[in-house]
Amino acid sequence: MAQFVIDANLPYHFALWQGPDFLHVRDLDEQWTDRQIWDFARDRDLVIVSKDADFSDLAAFSPPPPRVVHVCFGNVRLREFHDILSRHWPWIRDNIGRFRMLRVHRDRVEGIAEET
């Protein structure tokens, strides 16, 4: 069962995001707006993974679901992208439930906690 929806602005053929835990917007409908992606993920309790800051903004002001993993580092070669995400992904996967949003930088992951 899917846990993550990968936005169209991220690599489609990416080893970390293959398998039943992942849905790709490209396979759903590439023409969806951010709001349609948000609603789809919210209704299914999925985590949105994106480089789009709009999802970060929505997550900052809306309680989960959905949760957001915001990839915040700029354009890099695919190999470097893979290296960075591979290094951080196990922690992201294990800890996303504790946060409304995770911001992934080259050297760190920042968690934005839910309000209690």
C-alpha atoms as a PDB file:
ATOM      1  CA  MET A   1       0.000   0.000   0.000  1.00  0.00           C
ATOM      2  CA  ALA A   2       1.327   3.423  -0.942  1.00  0.00           C
ATOM      3  CA  GLN A   3       2.735   5.712   1.713  1.00  0.00           C
ATOM      4  CA  PHE A   4       4.292   8.419  -0.452  1.00  0.00           C
ATOM      5  CA  VAL A   5       3.251  10.393  -3.513  1.00  0.00           C
ATOM      6  CA  ILE A   6       6.203  11.706  -5.526  1.00  0.00           C
ATOM      7  CA  ASP A   7       5.626  15.025  -7.286  1.00  0.00           C
ATOM      8  CA  ALA A   8       6.226  15.366 -11.027  1.00  0.00           C
ATOM      9  CA  ASN A   9       9.148  17.754 -10.415  1.00  0.00           C
ATOM     10  CA  LEU A  10      11.308  14.917  -9.033  1.00  0.00           C
ATOM     11  CA  PRO A  11      13.103  12.138 -10.927  1.00  0.00           C
ATOM     12  CA  TYR A  12      10.706   9.444 -12.053  1.00  0.00           C
ATOM     13  CA  HIS A  13      13.216   6.624 -12.530  1.00  0.00           C
ATOM     14  CA  PHE A  14      14.755   6.764  -9.084  1.00  0.00           C
ATOM     15  CA  ALA A  15      15.673   3.572  -7.244  1.00  0.00           C
ATOM     16  CA  LEU A  16      14.572   4.848  -3.816  1.00  0.00           C
ATOM     17  CA  TRP A  17      11.047   5.541  -5.028  1.00  0.00           C
ATOM     18  CA  GLN A  18      10.139   2.323  -6.790  1.00  0.00           C
ATOM     19  CA  GLY A  19       7.747  -0.251  -5.425  1.00  0.00           C
ATOM     20  CA  PRO A  20       4.338  -0.392  -3.811  1.00  0.00           C
ATOM     21  CA  ASP A  21       5.072   2.289  -1.184  1.00  0.00           C
ATOM     22  CA  PHE A  22       5.291   4.979  -3.862  1.00  0.00           C
ATOM     23  CA  LEU A  23       2.865   6.621  -6.258  1.00  0.00           C
ATOM     24  CA  HIS A  24       4.127   9.092  -8.837  1.00  0.00           C
ATOM     25  CA  VAL A  25       2.072  12.065  -9.963  1.00  0.00           C
ATOM     26  CA  ARG A  26       3.241  11.229 -13.489  1.00  0.00           C
ATOM     27  CA  ASP A  27       1.323   7.943 -13.201  1.00  0.00           C
ATOM     28  CA  LEU A  28      -1.758   9.588 -11.697  1.00  0.00           C
ATOM     29  CA  ASP A  29      -2.196  12.758 -13.761  1.00  0.00           C
ATOM     30  CA  GLU A  30       0.659  15.123 -14.582  1.00  0.00           C
ATOM     31  CA  GLN A  31      -1.836  17.932 -15.147  1.00  0.00           C
ATOM     32  CA  TRP A  32      -3.038  17.948 -11.535  1.00  0.00           C
ATOM     33  CA  THR A  33      -2.700  21.207  -9.664  1.00  0.00           C
ATOM     34  CA  ASP A  34      -0.928  21.378  -6.320  1.00  0.00           C
ATOM     35  CA  ARG A  35      -4.346  21.468  -4.635  1.00  0.00           C
ATOM     36  CA  GLN A  36      -5.451  18.281  -6.418  1.00  0.00           C
ATOM     37  CA  ILE A  37      -2.242  16.523  -5.349  1.00  0.00           C
ATOM     38  CA  TRP A  38      -2.727  17.830  -1.797  1.00  0.00           C
ATOM     39  CA  ASP A  39      -6.330  16.601  -1.629  1.00  0.00           C
ATOM     40  CA  PHE A  40      -5.408  13.202  -3.100  1.00  0.00           C
ATOM     41  CA  ALA A  41      -2.636  12.743  -0.510  1.00  0.00           C
ATOM     42  CA  ARG A  42      -4.801  14.033   2.351  1.00  0.00           C
ATOM     43  CA  ASP A  43      -7.685  11.700   1.515  1.00  0.00           C
ATOM     44  CA  ARG A  44      -5.325   8.692   1.491  1.00  0.00           C
ATOM     45  CA  ASP A  45      -3.012   9.761   4.356  1.00  0.00           C
ATOM     46  CA  LEU A  46       0.001   9.893   2.031  1.00  0.00           C
ATOM     47  CA  VAL A  47       3.234  11.849   2.377  1.00  0.00           C
ATOM     48  CA  ILE A  48       3.961  14.289  -0.461  1.00  0.00           C
ATOM     49  CA  VAL A  49       7.599  14.393  -1.602  1.00  0.00           C
ATOM     50  CA  SER A  50       8.341  17.497  -3.678  1.00  0.00           C
ATOM     51  CA  LYS A  51      10.732  20.328  -4.478  1.00  0.00           C
ATOM     52  CA  ASP A  52       7.740  22.668  -4.704  1.00  0.00           C
ATOM     53  CA  ALA A  53       7.706  25.188  -1.842  1.00  0.00           C
ATOM     54  CA  ASP A  54       3.918  25.533  -2.202  1.00  0.00           C
ATOM     55  CA  PHE A  55       3.496  22.196  -0.409  1.00  0.00           C
ATOM     56  CA  SER A  56       5.727  23.432   2.413  1.00  0.00           C
ATOM     57  CA  ASP A  57       3.537  26.509   2.743  1.00  0.00           C
ATOM     58  CA  LEU A  58       0.374  24.403   2.860  1.00  0.00           C
ATOM     59  CA  ALA A  59       1.894  22.041   5.443  1.00  0.00           C
ATOM     60  CA  ALA A  60       2.967  24.948   7.638  1.00  0.00           C
ATOM     61  CA  PHE A  61      -0.634  26.070   8.062  1.00  0.00           C
ATOM     62  CA  SER A  62      -2.603  22.822   7.807  1.00  0.00           C
ATOM     63  CA  PRO A  63      -2.599  19.915  10.225  1.00  0.00           C
ATOM     64  CA  PRO A  64      -1.656  16.535   8.735  1.00  0.00           C
ATOM     65  CA  PRO A  65      -2.523  14.655   6.715  1.00  0.00           C
ATOM     66  CA  PRO A  66      -0.847  15.009   4.380  1.00  0.00           C
ATOM     67  CA  ARG A  67       2.691  15.325   5.597  1.00  0.00           C
ATOM     68  CA  VAL A  68       5.354  16.808   3.340  1.00  0.00           C
ATOM     69  CA  VAL A  69       8.977  16.012   2.553  1.00  0.00           C
ATOM     70  CA  HIS A  70      10.318  19.185   0.936  1.00  0.00           C
ATOM     71  CA  VAL A  71      13.542  18.712  -1.012  1.00  0.00           C
ATOM     72  CA  CYS A  72      15.219  22.094  -0.488  1.00  0.00           C
ATOM     73  CA  PHE A  73      18.546  21.773  -2.229  1.00  0.00           C
ATOM     74  CA  GLY A  74      18.871  23.323  -5.669  1.00  0.00           C
ATOM     75  CA  ASN A  75      19.482  21.686  -8.992  1.00  0.00           C
ATOM     76  CA  VAL A  76      22.185  19.051  -8.796  1.00  0.00           C
ATOM     77  CA  ARG A  77      23.267  16.222 -11.029  1.00  0.00           C
ATOM     78  CA  LEU A  78      21.171  13.092 -10.683  1.00  0.00           C
ATOM     79  CA  ARG A  79      24.054  11.205  -9.065  1.00  0.00           C
ATOM     80  CA  GLU A  80      24.448  13.842  -6.340  1.00  0.00           C
ATOM     81  CA  PHE A  81      20.666  13.974  -5.869  1.00  0.00           C
ATOM     82  CA  HIS A  82      20.656  10.203  -5.372  1.00  0.00           C
ATOM     83  CA  ASP A  83      23.598  10.352  -2.941  1.00  0.00           C
ATOM     84  CA  ILE A  84      21.963  13.038  -0.806  1.00  0.00           C
ATOM     85  CA  LEU A  85      18.549  11.373  -0.683  1.00  0.00           C
ATOM     86  CA  SER A  86      20.019   7.901  -0.129  1.00  0.00           C
ATOM     87  CA  ARG A  87      21.907   9.209   2.876  1.00  0.00           C
ATOM     88  CA  HIS A  88      18.819  10.854   4.399  1.00  0.00           C
ATOM     89  CA  TRP A  89      15.984   8.546   3.272  1.00  0.00           C
ATOM     90  CA  PRO A  90      16.154   5.910   6.053  1.00  0.00           C
ATOM     91  CA  TRP A  91      15.813   8.637   8.695  1.00  0.00           C
ATOM     92  CA  ILE A  92      13.052  10.380   6.719  1.00  0.00           C
ATOM     93  CA  ARG A  93      11.079   7.174   6.340  1.00  0.00           C
ATOM     94  CA  ASP A  94      11.418   6.278  10.026  1.00  0.00           C
ATOM     95  CA  ASN A  95      10.604   9.753  11.385  1.00  0.00           C
ATOM     96  CA  ILE A  96       8.088  11.421   9.063  1.00  0.00           C
ATOM     97  CA  GLY A  97       5.249  10.391  11.378  1.00  0.00           C
ATOM     98  CA  ARG A  98       6.644  12.666  14.094  1.00  0.00           C
ATOM     99  CA  PHE A  99       6.520  15.788  11.930  1.00  0.00           C
ATOM    100  CA  ARG A 100       4.100  17.682   9.723  1.00  0.00           C
ATOM    101  CA  MET A 101       6.973  18.470   7.376  1.00  0.00           C
ATOM    102  CA  LEU A 102      10.601  17.561   6.799  1.00  0.00           C
ATOM    103  CA  ARG A 103      12.900  19.897   4.880  1.00  0.00           C
ATOM    104  CA  VAL A 104      15.756  18.035   3.234  1.00  0.00           C
ATOM    105  CA  HIS A 105      18.978  19.972   2.700  1.00  0.00           C
ATOM    106  CA  ARG A 106      22.275  18.685   1.355  1.00  0.00           C
ATOM    107  CA  ASP A 107      23.745  18.256   4.833  1.00  0.00           C
ATOM    108  CA  ARG A 108      20.740  17.834   7.117  1.00  0.00           C
ATOM    109  CA  VAL A 109      17.018  17.221   7.528  1.00  0.00           C
ATOM    110  CA  GLU A 110      14.928  19.709   9.495  1.00  0.00           C
ATOM    111  CA  GLY A 111      11.694  18.573  11.061  1.00  0.00           C
ATOM    112  CA  ILE A 112       8.747  20.877  11.594  1.00  0.00           C
ATOM    113  CA  ALA A 113       6.765  19.381  14.471  1.00  0.00           C
ATOM    114  CA  GLU A 114       3.029  19.170  14.765  1.00  0.00           C
ATOM    115  CA  GLU A 115       1.421  21.628  17.125  1.00  0.00           C
ATOM    116  CA  THR A 116       0.240  19.990  20.323  1.00  0.00           C
END
